[in-house]
Amino acid sequence: MHRRMSPQKSRALRWAGVVAVVGLFVWYRIEDPVAAKPLSADKPVTSTEQQRAATRLAVLGDGGASIGQQRAELQTYLKDSGVSLESIETVLRHTRDGLALRRGTDGAQTRLGGPPVLPAGERWPTAADGDKFTFVGALDFAELPRMDPLPTEGTLALYWNREWGGKGEGKMDFVAATRAFYLEPGDRTSEPKPPANTPQITYKPLRGAAMPIAGDPKLLREELKGRPDLGKLDKAMDELDRHGLYPHHVLGSPIEVQRPVLRGMPAFFNPTLGYLSEASRDRFTAAERDAGEWVLLAQLNQQDDFVIDGGGSLFFVILEQDLEARRFDRVVGIRDPR
């Protein structure tokens, strides 16, 4: 059921989704002699021309286009759409390289849901109050395109407590609600049966494509506020939205809905707000809590029976030094509802 929403809210929600496509515009490259030629900078963009240009962006990277080529094509598209160079520079400043996760082939170990995996002898993740975690999915780094600082092999299994908070562990204790297990090649593993009444996610195979991912829409719009070309930028983003997908992604920029995710991490650790239990806060040093360099590990968006509060996202974030050290025991999964 769809609810009618105000134009202002609709536009804000479209932006949060559309900004993703700026960095997620790759799916399949087409070499077509009759495809649209690059648009002239001094020629007004017609609707048909913009549609063709958006199509060219939406199909570019999956055929092997480099990150640099994709960034250049995006810059040309925005310029030909009437967006100022200053605004384009702002968009590109909020763009980070990552891996878009598209629909994969059956049998892929990079997946949402499906058979759970744990280190041999590891018990099913369970909260202090007895709530059982849900197996969210796994990343098989050997299947994914190489991108530093990700591992080049091994599997990361992600679990999350969908019943988090409100039961004595803190108001928003996303630290306690997250478990991540890194399985190196050769490690003994088990495929446990989920406990009774534990929500399960249907197996959805995924594959990765390297691309620049533009995000941080809240921060981006703050910087763009009041610029006369904002409407043209919105229109260009809308056109990309109609020609692309809204995939999950690894690394890159977060495409948040409610508030900036990475910049908001110190607030989660602020004891006066009461979000985390003392035990969760103590897993990080004072310097890490106050000024840690957090990066996006993965953004997984609601899909089918993977439900995040009405179309939201689940962000797995990690300290940069932990990612480089292959320390995944302190990954934090943050829910961002629509």
C-alpha atoms as a PDB file:
ATOM      1  CA  MET A   1       0.000   0.000   0.000  1.00  0.00           C
ATOM      2  CA  HIS A   2       1.369   3.422  -0.977  1.00  0.00           C
ATOM      3  CA  ARG A   3       0.683   6.484   1.086  1.00  0.00           C
ATOM      4  CA  ARG A   4       0.472   9.895  -0.468  1.00  0.00           C
ATOM      5  CA  MET A   5       3.256  12.097   0.873  1.00  0.00           C
ATOM      6  CA  SER A   6       4.001  15.796   0.648  1.00  0.00           C
ATOM      7  CA  PRO A   7       6.022  17.046  -2.347  1.00  0.00           C
ATOM      8  CA  GLN A   8       8.781  18.123   0.036  1.00  0.00           C
ATOM      9  CA  LYS A   9       9.079  14.701   1.643  1.00  0.00           C
ATOM     10  CA  SER A  10       8.774  12.943  -1.693  1.00  0.00           C
ATOM     11  CA  ARG A  11      11.565  15.016  -3.115  1.00  0.00           C
ATOM     12  CA  ALA A  12      13.804  14.381  -0.098  1.00  0.00           C
ATOM     13  CA  LEU A  13      13.252  10.639  -0.332  1.00  0.00           C
ATOM     14  CA  ARG A  14      13.901  10.655  -4.080  1.00  0.00           C
ATOM     15  CA  TRP A  15      17.176  12.458  -3.432  1.00  0.00           C
ATOM     16  CA  ALA A  16      18.319   9.875  -0.886  1.00  0.00           C
ATOM     17  CA  GLY A  17      17.700   7.123  -3.412  1.00  0.00           C
ATOM     18  CA  VAL A  18      18.790   9.035  -6.490  1.00  0.00           C
ATOM     19  CA  VAL A  19      22.154  10.108  -5.086  1.00  0.00           C
ATOM     20  CA  ALA A  20      22.984   6.411  -4.838  1.00  0.00           C
ATOM     21  CA  VAL A  21      22.599   6.026  -8.579  1.00  0.00           C
ATOM     22  CA  VAL A  22      25.160   8.765  -9.240  1.00  0.00           C
ATOM     23  CA  GLY A  23      27.769   6.345  -7.988  1.00  0.00           C
ATOM     24  CA  LEU A  24      25.850   3.196  -8.802  1.00  0.00           C
ATOM     25  CA  PHE A  25      25.255   3.865 -12.485  1.00  0.00           C
ATOM     26  CA  VAL A  26      27.014   0.750 -13.754  1.00  0.00           C
ATOM     27  CA  TRP A  27      25.346  -2.410 -14.902  1.00  0.00           C
ATOM     28  CA  TYR A  28      26.160  -3.377 -18.465  1.00  0.00           C
ATOM     29  CA  ARG A  29      28.315  -1.670 -21.099  1.00  0.00           C
ATOM     30  CA  ILE A  30      26.888  -1.322 -24.586  1.00  0.00           C
ATOM     31  CA  GLU A  31      29.092  -0.470 -27.588  1.00  0.00           C
ATOM     32  CA  ASP A  32      26.465   0.734 -30.047  1.00  0.00           C
ATOM     33  CA  PRO A  33      27.403   2.714 -33.156  1.00  0.00           C
ATOM     34  CA  VAL A  34      24.055   4.494 -33.032  1.00  0.00           C
ATOM     35  CA  ALA A  35      24.241   5.323 -29.332  1.00  0.00           C
ATOM     36  CA  ALA A  36      24.027   8.959 -28.305  1.00  0.00           C
ATOM     37  CA  LYS A  37      27.206  10.952 -28.884  1.00  0.00           C
ATOM     38  CA  PRO A  38      28.671  13.117 -26.088  1.00  0.00           C
ATOM     39  CA  LEU A  39      26.565  16.195 -25.584  1.00  0.00           C
ATOM     40  CA  SER A  40      27.940  19.598 -26.577  1.00  0.00           C
ATOM     41  CA  ALA A  41      28.578  21.917 -23.646  1.00  0.00           C
ATOM     42  CA  ASP A  42      27.014  24.868 -25.497  1.00  0.00           C
ATOM     43  CA  LYS A  43      23.898  22.999 -26.626  1.00  0.00           C
ATOM     44  CA  PRO A  44      20.784  22.962 -24.440  1.00  0.00           C
ATOM     45  CA  VAL A  45      19.875  19.501 -23.181  1.00  0.00           C
ATOM     46  CA  THR A  46      16.608  18.184 -24.514  1.00  0.00           C
ATOM     47  CA  SER A  47      14.633  15.519 -22.719  1.00  0.00           C
ATOM     48  CA  THR A  48      15.611  12.900 -25.309  1.00  0.00           C
ATOM     49  CA  GLU A  49      19.295  13.799 -25.154  1.00  0.00           C
ATOM     50  CA  GLN A  50      19.321  13.645 -21.395  1.00  0.00           C
ATOM     51  CA  GLN A  51      17.597  10.273 -21.443  1.00  0.00           C
ATOM     52  CA  ARG A  52      20.223   8.918 -23.828  1.00  0.00           C
ATOM     53  CA  ALA A  53      23.042  10.320 -21.733  1.00  0.00           C
ATOM     54  CA  ALA A  54      21.519   8.826 -18.589  1.00  0.00           C
ATOM     55  CA  THR A  55      21.225   5.471 -20.340  1.00  0.00           C
ATOM     56  CA  ARG A  56      24.888   5.656 -21.280  1.00  0.00           C
ATOM     57  CA  LEU A  57      25.780   6.228 -17.637  1.00  0.00           C
ATOM     58  CA  ALA A  58      23.439   3.533 -16.362  1.00  0.00           C
ATOM     59  CA  VAL A  59      25.053   0.819 -18.520  1.00  0.00           C
ATOM     60  CA  LEU A  60      28.694   1.893 -18.435  1.00  0.00           C
ATOM     61  CA  GLY A  61      30.732   0.121 -15.785  1.00  0.00           C
ATOM     62  CA  ASP A  62      29.663  -3.491 -15.800  1.00  0.00           C
ATOM     63  CA  GLY A  63      31.466  -3.950 -19.105  1.00  0.00           C
ATOM     64  CA  GLY A  64      34.792  -3.036 -17.562  1.00  0.00           C
ATOM     65  CA  ALA A  65      34.908   0.760 -17.685  1.00  0.00           C
ATOM     66  CA  SER A  66      37.488   2.185 -15.305  1.00  0.00           C
ATOM     67  CA  ILE A  67      36.577   4.214 -12.242  1.00  0.00           C
ATOM     68  CA  GLY A  68      38.221   7.229 -13.857  1.00  0.00           C
ATOM     69  CA  GLN A  69      36.174   6.850 -17.028  1.00  0.00           C
ATOM     70  CA  GLN A  70      32.988   6.571 -15.010  1.00  0.00           C
ATOM     71  CA  ARG A  71      33.797   9.714 -13.021  1.00  0.00           C
ATOM     72  CA  ALA A  72      34.567  11.622 -16.212  1.00  0.00           C
ATOM     73  CA  GLU A  73      31.317  10.480 -17.804  1.00  0.00           C
ATOM     74  CA  LEU A  74      29.358  11.527 -14.734  1.00  0.00           C
ATOM     75  CA  GLN A  75      31.005  14.935 -14.754  1.00  0.00           C
ATOM     76  CA  THR A  76      30.155  15.403 -18.448  1.00  0.00           C
ATOM     77  CA  TYR A  77      26.572  14.319 -17.889  1.00  0.00           C
ATOM     78  CA  LEU A  78      26.050  16.778 -15.037  1.00  0.00           C
ATOM     79  CA  LYS A  79      27.708  19.613 -16.968  1.00  0.00           C
ATOM     80  CA  ASP A  80      25.529  18.987 -20.018  1.00  0.00           C
ATOM     81  CA  SER A  81      22.513  18.930 -17.707  1.00  0.00           C
ATOM     82  CA  GLY A  82      23.212  22.522 -16.704  1.00  0.00           C
ATOM     83  CA  VAL A  83      24.823  21.815 -13.337  1.00  0.00           C
ATOM     84  CA  SER A  84      27.559  24.280 -12.404  1.00  0.00           C
ATOM     85  CA  LEU A  85      31.170  23.229 -12.046  1.00  0.00           C
ATOM     86  CA  GLU A  86      31.050  24.206  -8.368  1.00  0.00           C
ATOM     87  CA  SER A  87      28.116  21.874  -7.716  1.00  0.00           C
ATOM     88  CA  ILE A  88      29.732  19.083  -9.725  1.00  0.00           C
ATOM     89  CA  GLU A  89      32.877  19.410  -7.612  1.00  0.00           C
ATOM     90  CA  THR A  90      30.728  19.100  -4.493  1.00  0.00           C
ATOM     91  CA  VAL A  91      29.090  15.925  -5.803  1.00  0.00           C
ATOM     92  CA  LEU A  92      32.455  14.403  -6.699  1.00  0.00           C
ATOM     93  CA  ARG A  93      33.866  15.311  -3.281  1.00  0.00           C
ATOM     94  CA  HIS A  94      31.167  13.147  -1.715  1.00  0.00           C
ATOM     95  CA  THR A  95      31.930  10.293  -4.098  1.00  0.00           C
ATOM     96  CA  ARG A  96      34.037   7.340  -2.967  1.00  0.00           C
ATOM     97  CA  ASP A  97      34.990   4.203  -4.844  1.00  0.00           C
ATOM     98  CA  GLY A  98      33.159   1.028  -3.921  1.00  0.00           C
ATOM     99  CA  LEU A  99      31.551  -2.160  -5.181  1.00  0.00           C
ATOM    100  CA  ALA A 100      27.907  -2.213  -6.190  1.00  0.00           C
ATOM    101  CA  LEU A 101      26.280  -5.547  -5.418  1.00  0.00           C
ATOM    102  CA  ARG A 102      23.976  -6.626  -8.233  1.00  0.00           C
ATOM    103  CA  ARG A 103      21.932  -9.756  -8.734  1.00  0.00           C
ATOM    104  CA  GLY A 104      24.376 -12.655  -9.076  1.00  0.00           C
ATOM    105  CA  THR A 105      24.168 -16.183 -10.379  1.00  0.00           C
ATOM    106  CA  ASP A 106      22.917 -19.113  -8.342  1.00  0.00           C
ATOM    107  CA  GLY A 107      25.667 -20.645  -6.290  1.00  0.00           C
ATOM    108  CA  ALA A 108      27.427 -17.364  -5.477  1.00  0.00           C
ATOM    109  CA  GLN A 109      28.691 -17.253  -1.897  1.00  0.00           C
ATOM    110  CA  THR A 110      28.357 -13.470  -1.765  1.00  0.00           C
ATOM    111  CA  ARG A 111      24.726 -13.209  -0.824  1.00  0.00           C
ATOM    112  CA  LEU A 112      21.893 -11.894   1.229  1.00  0.00           C
ATOM    113  CA  GLY A 113      20.464 -14.589   3.465  1.00  0.00           C
ATOM    114  CA  GLY A 114      20.666 -18.239   2.552  1.00  0.00           C
ATOM    115  CA  PRO A 115      22.500 -20.902   4.555  1.00  0.00           C
ATOM    116  CA  PRO A 116      24.160 -19.372   7.640  1.00  0.00           C
ATOM    117  CA  VAL A 117      27.872 -19.867   8.208  1.00  0.00           C
ATOM    118  CA  LEU A 118      29.852 -19.634  11.447  1.00  0.00           C
ATOM    119  CA  PRO A 119      33.362 -20.535  12.593  1.00  0.00           C
ATOM    120  CA  ALA A 120      33.450 -24.145  13.752  1.00  0.00           C
ATOM    121  CA  GLY A 121      32.426 -24.355  17.402  1.00  0.00           C
ATOM    122  CA  GLU A 122      30.908 -20.859  17.471  1.00  0.00           C
ATOM    123  CA  ARG A 123      27.440 -20.678  18.998  1.00  0.00           C
ATOM    124  CA  TRP A 124      24.601 -18.869  17.289  1.00  0.00           C
ATOM    125  CA  PRO A 125      24.835 -15.139  18.163  1.00  0.00           C
ATOM    126  CA  THR A 126      22.412 -14.347  20.964  1.00  0.00           C
ATOM    127  CA  ALA A 127      21.704 -11.112  22.815  1.00  0.00           C
ATOM    128  CA  ALA A 128      22.002 -10.828  26.588  1.00  0.00           C
ATOM    129  CA  ASP A 129      18.211 -10.954  26.883  1.00  0.00           C
ATOM    130  CA  GLY A 130      18.010 -14.133  24.802  1.00  0.00           C
ATOM    131  CA  ASP A 131      17.051 -12.646  21.415  1.00  0.00           C
ATOM    132  CA  LYS A 132      18.526 -14.619  18.538  1.00  0.00           C
ATOM    133  CA  PHE A 133      20.361 -12.748  15.820  1.00  0.00           C
ATOM    134  CA  THR A 134      19.451 -13.000  12.138  1.00  0.00           C
ATOM    135  CA  PHE A 135      21.969 -14.138   9.536  1.00  0.00           C
ATOM    136  CA  VAL A 136      21.972 -11.176   7.148  1.00  0.00           C
ATOM    137  CA  GLY A 137      24.401 -12.434   4.525  1.00  0.00           C
ATOM    138  CA  ALA A 138      28.017 -12.987   3.566  1.00  0.00           C
ATOM    139  CA  LEU A 139      30.742 -11.390   1.464  1.00  0.00           C
ATOM    140  CA  ASP A 140      33.112 -13.763  -0.317  1.00  0.00           C
ATOM    141  CA  PHE A 141      36.043 -11.492  -1.085  1.00  0.00           C
ATOM    142  CA  ALA A 142      37.557 -13.900  -3.623  1.00  0.00           C
ATOM    143  CA  GLU A 143      34.383 -13.497  -5.719  1.00  0.00           C
ATOM    144  CA  LEU A 144      34.405  -9.705  -5.594  1.00  0.00           C
ATOM    145  CA  PRO A 145      36.533  -7.301  -7.641  1.00  0.00           C
ATOM    146  CA  ARG A 146      39.744  -6.334  -5.887  1.00  0.00           C
ATOM    147  CA  MET A 147      39.520  -3.060  -3.998  1.00  0.00           C
ATOM    148  CA  ASP A 148      41.772  -1.873  -1.185  1.00  0.00           C
ATOM    149  CA  PRO A 149      41.578  -2.084   1.771  1.00  0.00           C
ATOM    150  CA  LEU A 150      39.274  -5.119   1.497  1.00  0.00           C
ATOM    151  CA  PRO A 151      40.759  -8.599   1.907  1.00  0.00           C
ATOM    152  CA  THR A 152      41.388 -10.445  -1.348  1.00  0.00           C
ATOM    153  CA  GLU A 153      40.054 -13.731  -0.001  1.00  0.00           C
ATOM    154  CA  GLY A 154      38.073 -15.141   2.875  1.00  0.00           C
ATOM    155  CA  THR A 155      34.421 -14.715   3.838  1.00  0.00           C
ATOM    156  CA  LEU A 156      32.745 -12.218   6.125  1.00  0.00           C
ATOM    157  CA  ALA A 157      29.507 -13.464   7.725  1.00  0.00           C
ATOM    158  CA  LEU A 158      27.188 -10.742   9.038  1.00  0.00           C
ATOM    159  CA  TYR A 159      24.614 -11.177  11.818  1.00  0.00           C
ATOM    160  CA  TRP A 160      22.292  -8.591  13.285  1.00  0.00           C
ATOM    161  CA  ASN A 161      19.777  -8.509  16.118  1.00  0.00           C
ATOM    162  CA  ARG A 162      16.475  -7.325  14.653  1.00  0.00           C
ATOM    163  CA  GLU A 163      15.056  -7.095  18.191  1.00  0.00           C
ATOM    164  CA  TRP A 164      17.756  -4.729  19.454  1.00  0.00           C
ATOM    165  CA  GLY A 165      17.288  -2.051  22.086  1.00  0.00           C
ATOM    166  CA  GLY A 166      14.788  -1.199  24.772  1.00  0.00           C
ATOM    167  CA  LYS A 167      15.568  -4.188  26.969  1.00  0.00           C
ATOM    168  CA  GLY A 168      18.329  -2.949  29.208  1.00  0.00           C
ATOM    169  CA  GLU A 169      21.126  -2.874  26.632  1.00  0.00           C
ATOM    170  CA  GLY A 170      20.705   0.775  25.698  1.00  0.00           C
ATOM    171  CA  LYS A 171      18.303   2.728  23.539  1.00  0.00           C
ATOM    172  CA  MET A 172      20.223   2.196  20.298  1.00  0.00           C
ATOM    173  CA  ASP A 173      22.969  -0.273  21.132  1.00  0.00           C
ATOM    174  CA  PHE A 174      23.985  -1.139  17.599  1.00  0.00           C
ATOM    175  CA  VAL A 175      27.323  -2.393  18.934  1.00  0.00           C
ATOM    176  CA  ALA A 176      25.619  -5.119  20.960  1.00  0.00           C
ATOM    177  CA  ALA A 177      23.258  -5.794  18.039  1.00  0.00           C
ATOM    178  CA  THR A 178      26.013  -6.740  15.586  1.00  0.00           C
ATOM    179  CA  ARG A 179      28.223  -9.766  15.042  1.00  0.00           C
ATOM    180  CA  ALA A 180      30.658 -10.186  12.155  1.00  0.00           C
ATOM    181  CA  PHE A 181      32.850 -13.259  11.658  1.00  0.00           C
ATOM    182  CA  TYR A 182      35.804 -13.250   9.266  1.00  0.00           C
ATOM    183  CA  LEU A 183      36.589 -16.731   7.959  1.00  0.00           C
ATOM    184  CA  GLU A 184      39.975 -17.078   6.331  1.00  0.00           C
ATOM    185  CA  PRO A 185      40.583 -19.725   3.638  1.00  0.00           C
ATOM    186  CA  GLY A 186      41.086 -23.067   5.306  1.00  0.00           C
ATOM    187  CA  ASP A 187      39.253 -22.163   8.495  1.00  0.00           C
ATOM    188  CA  ARG A 188      36.893 -24.824   9.773  1.00  0.00           C
ATOM    189  CA  THR A 189      33.298 -23.680   9.501  1.00  0.00           C
ATOM    190  CA  SER A 190      29.810 -24.863  10.341  1.00  0.00           C
ATOM    191  CA  GLU A 191      26.446 -24.244   8.664  1.00  0.00           C
ATOM    192  CA  PRO A 192      24.113 -24.221  11.655  1.00  0.00           C
ATOM    193  CA  LYS A 193      20.364 -24.420  11.461  1.00  0.00           C
ATOM    194  CA  PRO A 194      18.793 -21.138  12.578  1.00  0.00           C
ATOM    195  CA  PRO A 195      17.119 -21.355  15.998  1.00  0.00           C
ATOM    196  CA  ALA A 196      13.369 -21.720  16.089  1.00  0.00           C
ATOM    197  CA  ASN A 197      11.394 -18.521  15.432  1.00  0.00           C
ATOM    198  CA  THR A 198      14.477 -16.742  14.112  1.00  0.00           C
ATOM    199  CA  PRO A 199      13.676 -14.597  11.053  1.00  0.00           C
ATOM    200  CA  GLN A 200      15.339 -16.031   7.958  1.00  0.00           C
ATOM    201  CA  ILE A 201      16.221 -14.276   4.710  1.00  0.00           C
ATOM    202  CA  THR A 202      15.792 -16.061   1.411  1.00  0.00           C
ATOM    203  CA  TYR A 203      19.021 -16.691  -0.503  1.00  0.00           C
ATOM    204  CA  LYS A 204      19.786 -13.848  -2.925  1.00  0.00           C
ATOM    205  CA  PRO A 205      23.083 -14.283  -4.818  1.00  0.00           C
ATOM    206  CA  LEU A 206      25.075 -11.117  -5.454  1.00  0.00           C
ATOM    207  CA  ARG A 207      27.967 -10.036  -7.662  1.00  0.00           C
ATOM    208  CA  GLY A 208      30.155  -6.967  -7.447  1.00  0.00           C
ATOM    209  CA  ALA A 209      30.995  -4.167  -9.891  1.00  0.00           C
ATOM    210  CA  ALA A 210      33.580  -1.484  -9.160  1.00  0.00           C
ATOM    211  CA  MET A 211      32.264   2.066  -9.433  1.00  0.00           C
ATOM    212  CA  PRO A 212      32.362   5.505  -7.847  1.00  0.00           C
ATOM    213  CA  ILE A 213      29.543   5.778  -5.319  1.00  0.00           C
ATOM    214  CA  ALA A 214      28.215   9.221  -4.431  1.00  0.00           C
ATOM    215  CA  GLY A 215      26.555   9.488  -1.074  1.00  0.00           C
ATOM    216  CA  ASP A 216      26.222  11.407   2.157  1.00  0.00           C
ATOM    217  CA  PRO A 217      23.075  13.094   0.752  1.00  0.00           C
ATOM    218  CA  LYS A 218      22.375  14.960   3.982  1.00  0.00           C
ATOM    219  CA  LEU A 219      25.831  16.522   3.967  1.00  0.00           C
ATOM    220  CA  LEU A 220      25.700  17.110   0.232  1.00  0.00           C
ATOM    221  CA  ARG A 221      22.398  18.948   0.339  1.00  0.00           C
ATOM    222  CA  GLU A 222      23.640  21.106   3.198  1.00  0.00           C
ATOM    223  CA  GLU A 223      26.494  22.272   0.992  1.00  0.00           C
ATOM    224  CA  LEU A 224      24.273  22.731  -2.089  1.00  0.00           C
ATOM    225  CA  LYS A 225      21.511  24.617  -0.271  1.00  0.00           C
ATOM    226  CA  GLY A 226      20.624  27.859  -1.983  1.00  0.00           C
ATOM    227  CA  ARG A 227      22.490  27.206  -5.225  1.00  0.00           C
ATOM    228  CA  PRO A 228      20.499  28.260  -8.316  1.00  0.00           C
ATOM    229  CA  ASP A 229      21.300  25.050 -10.199  1.00  0.00           C
ATOM    230  CA  LEU A 230      19.951  22.746  -7.502  1.00  0.00           C
ATOM    231  CA  GLY A 231      16.779  22.131  -9.507  1.00  0.00           C
ATOM    232  CA  LYS A 232      18.797  21.096 -12.566  1.00  0.00           C
ATOM    233  CA  LEU A 233      20.868  18.767 -10.426  1.00  0.00           C
ATOM    234  CA  ASP A 234      17.692  17.203  -9.014  1.00  0.00           C
ATOM    235  CA  LYS A 235      16.339  16.689 -12.547  1.00  0.00           C
ATOM    236  CA  ALA A 236      19.584  15.082 -13.678  1.00  0.00           C
ATOM    237  CA  MET A 237      19.532  12.790 -10.644  1.00  0.00           C
ATOM    238  CA  ASP A 238      15.897  11.881 -11.325  1.00  0.00           C
ATOM    239  CA  GLU A 239      16.799  10.868 -14.876  1.00  0.00           C
ATOM    240  CA  LEU A 240      19.613   8.667 -13.602  1.00  0.00           C
ATOM    241  CA  ASP A 241      17.213   7.099 -11.124  1.00  0.00           C
ATOM    242  CA  ARG A 242      14.909   6.071 -13.943  1.00  0.00           C
ATOM    243  CA  HIS A 243      17.771   4.447 -15.838  1.00  0.00           C
ATOM    244  CA  GLY A 244      19.597   2.681 -13.033  1.00  0.00           C
ATOM    245  CA  LEU A 245      19.214   0.351 -10.081  1.00  0.00           C
ATOM    246  CA  TYR A 246      19.444   0.930  -6.352  1.00  0.00           C
ATOM    247  CA  PRO A 247      21.803  -1.852  -5.347  1.00  0.00           C
ATOM    248  CA  HIS A 248      23.530  -2.740  -2.153  1.00  0.00           C
ATOM    249  CA  HIS A 249      27.188  -1.766  -2.006  1.00  0.00           C
ATOM    250  CA  VAL A 250      30.514  -2.379  -0.280  1.00  0.00           C
ATOM    251  CA  LEU A 251      32.776   0.559   0.614  1.00  0.00           C
ATOM    252  CA  GLY A 252      31.903   3.812  -1.129  1.00  0.00           C
ATOM    253  CA  SER A 253      29.712   6.456   0.483  1.00  0.00           C
ATOM    254  CA  PRO A 254      26.664   5.733   2.627  1.00  0.00           C
ATOM    255  CA  ILE A 255      23.322   6.654   1.052  1.00  0.00           C
ATOM    256  CA  GLU A 256      21.546   7.496   4.268  1.00  0.00           C
ATOM    257  CA  VAL A 257      17.948   8.593   4.791  1.00  0.00           C
ATOM    258  CA  GLN A 258      17.654  10.050   8.283  1.00  0.00           C
ATOM    259  CA  ARG A 259      21.059  11.541   9.054  1.00  0.00           C
ATOM    260  CA  PRO A 260      24.749  11.274   8.156  1.00  0.00           C
ATOM    261  CA  VAL A 261      25.945   7.865   9.322  1.00  0.00           C
ATOM    262  CA  LEU A 262      29.711   8.167   9.587  1.00  0.00           C
ATOM    263  CA  ARG A 263      29.730  11.709  10.948  1.00  0.00           C
ATOM    264  CA  GLY A 264      27.172  10.653  13.559  1.00  0.00           C
ATOM    265  CA  MET A 265      29.256   7.889  15.124  1.00  0.00           C
ATOM    266  CA  PRO A 266      30.615  10.006  18.038  1.00  0.00           C
ATOM    267  CA  ALA A 267      27.019  10.738  19.084  1.00  0.00           C
ATOM    268  CA  PHE A 268      26.332   7.023  19.466  1.00  0.00           C
ATOM    269  CA  PHE A 269      29.186   6.806  21.961  1.00  0.00           C
ATOM    270  CA  ASN A 270      28.131   9.909  23.888  1.00  0.00           C
ATOM    271  CA  PRO A 271      27.238   8.579  27.378  1.00  0.00           C
ATOM    272  CA  THR A 272      24.805  11.412  28.074  1.00  0.00           C
ATOM    273  CA  LEU A 273      22.556  10.190  25.252  1.00  0.00           C
ATOM    274  CA  GLY A 274      22.336   6.717  26.729  1.00  0.00           C
ATOM    275  CA  TYR A 275      22.461   4.853  23.435  1.00  0.00           C
ATOM    276  CA  LEU A 276      25.045   2.218  24.347  1.00  0.00           C
ATOM    277  CA  SER A 277      25.578   0.010  27.321  1.00  0.00           C
ATOM    278  CA  GLU A 278      28.761   0.537  29.281  1.00  0.00           C
ATOM    279  CA  ALA A 279      30.092  -2.779  28.020  1.00  0.00           C
ATOM    280  CA  SER A 280      29.588  -1.697  24.404  1.00  0.00           C
ATOM    281  CA  ARG A 281      31.315   1.638  24.970  1.00  0.00           C
ATOM    282  CA  ASP A 282      34.254  -0.084  26.663  1.00  0.00           C
ATOM    283  CA  ARG A 283      34.988  -2.123  23.525  1.00  0.00           C
ATOM    284  CA  PHE A 284      36.453   1.074  22.051  1.00  0.00           C
ATOM    285  CA  THR A 285      39.057   3.460  23.418  1.00  0.00           C
ATOM    286  CA  ALA A 286      38.193   7.051  24.308  1.00  0.00           C
ATOM    287  CA  ALA A 287      40.052   8.267  21.201  1.00  0.00           C
ATOM    288  CA  GLU A 288      38.147   5.830  18.981  1.00  0.00           C
ATOM    289  CA  ARG A 289      34.819   6.880  20.456  1.00  0.00           C
ATOM    290  CA  ASP A 290      35.501  10.598  20.078  1.00  0.00           C
ATOM    291  CA  ALA A 291      37.439  10.846  16.821  1.00  0.00           C
ATOM    292  CA  GLY A 292      37.696   7.415  15.244  1.00  0.00           C
ATOM    293  CA  GLU A 293      38.036   7.208  11.458  1.00  0.00           C
ATOM    294  CA  TRP A 294      34.902   5.280  10.530  1.00  0.00           C
ATOM    295  CA  VAL A 295      34.330   3.953   7.014  1.00  0.00           C
ATOM    296  CA  LEU A 296      31.419   2.207   5.380  1.00  0.00           C
ATOM    297  CA  LEU A 297      31.964  -1.531   5.114  1.00  0.00           C
ATOM    298  CA  ALA A 298      28.641  -2.345   3.457  1.00  0.00           C
ATOM    299  CA  GLN A 299      25.198  -0.868   2.876  1.00  0.00           C
ATOM    300  CA  LEU A 300      22.410  -3.414   2.477  1.00  0.00           C
ATOM    301  CA  ASN A 301      19.039  -2.087   1.441  1.00  0.00           C
ATOM    302  CA  GLN A 302      15.612  -3.563   2.085  1.00  0.00           C
ATOM    303  CA  GLN A 303      14.759  -6.211  -0.467  1.00  0.00           C
ATOM    304  CA  ASP A 304      11.914  -8.725  -0.484  1.00  0.00           C
ATOM    305  CA  ASP A 305      11.962 -10.536   2.882  1.00  0.00           C
ATOM    306  CA  PHE A 306      15.005  -8.564   4.056  1.00  0.00           C
ATOM    307  CA  VAL A 307      12.998  -5.842   5.782  1.00  0.00           C
ATOM    308  CA  ILE A 308      14.463  -2.669   7.316  1.00  0.00           C
ATOM    309  CA  ASP A 309      11.516  -0.609   8.512  1.00  0.00           C
ATOM    310  CA  GLY A 310       9.606   0.338   5.391  1.00  0.00           C
ATOM    311  CA  GLY A 311      12.332   0.578   2.793  1.00  0.00           C
ATOM    312  CA  GLY A 312      15.331   1.523   4.909  1.00  0.00           C
ATOM    313  CA  SER A 313      18.937   0.399   4.935  1.00  0.00           C
ATOM    314  CA  LEU A 314      21.355  -1.407   7.203  1.00  0.00           C
ATOM    315  CA  PHE A 315      24.842   0.112   7.335  1.00  0.00           C
ATOM    316  CA  PHE A 316      27.787  -1.931   8.545  1.00  0.00           C
ATOM    317  CA  VAL A 317      30.544   0.483   9.554  1.00  0.00           C
ATOM    318  CA  ILE A 318      34.052  -0.185  10.782  1.00  0.00           C
ATOM    319  CA  LEU A 319      37.056   1.755  12.047  1.00  0.00           C
ATOM    320  CA  GLU A 320      39.556   2.240   9.240  1.00  0.00           C
ATOM    321  CA  GLN A 321      42.405   0.731  11.245  1.00  0.00           C
ATOM    322  CA  ASP A 322      40.273  -2.318  12.059  1.00  0.00           C
ATOM    323  CA  LEU A 323      39.547  -2.906   8.366  1.00  0.00           C
ATOM    324  CA  GLU A 324      43.220  -2.638   7.475  1.00  0.00           C
ATOM    325  CA  ALA A 325      44.096  -5.046  10.321  1.00  0.00           C
ATOM    326  CA  ARG A 326      41.333  -7.494   9.267  1.00  0.00           C
ATOM    327  CA  ARG A 327      39.718  -7.025  12.675  1.00  0.00           C
ATOM    328  CA  PHE A 328      35.996  -7.462  12.104  1.00  0.00           C
ATOM    329  CA  ASP A 329      34.910  -8.184  15.674  1.00  0.00           C
ATOM    330  CA  ARG A 330      34.010  -4.512  16.195  1.00  0.00           C
ATOM    331  CA  VAL A 331      31.837  -3.964  13.128  1.00  0.00           C
ATOM    332  CA  VAL A 332      28.724  -1.929  13.971  1.00  0.00           C
ATOM    333  CA  GLY A 333      25.434  -2.433  12.108  1.00  0.00           C
ATOM    334  CA  ILE A 334      23.266   0.714  12.082  1.00  0.00           C
ATOM    335  CA  ARG A 335      19.648   0.672  11.016  1.00  0.00           C
ATOM    336  CA  ASP A 336      18.413   3.642   8.987  1.00  0.00           C
ATOM    337  CA  PRO A 337      14.622   3.508   8.494  1.00  0.00           C
ATOM    338  CA  ARG A 338      12.677   5.564   5.982  1.00  0.00           C
END
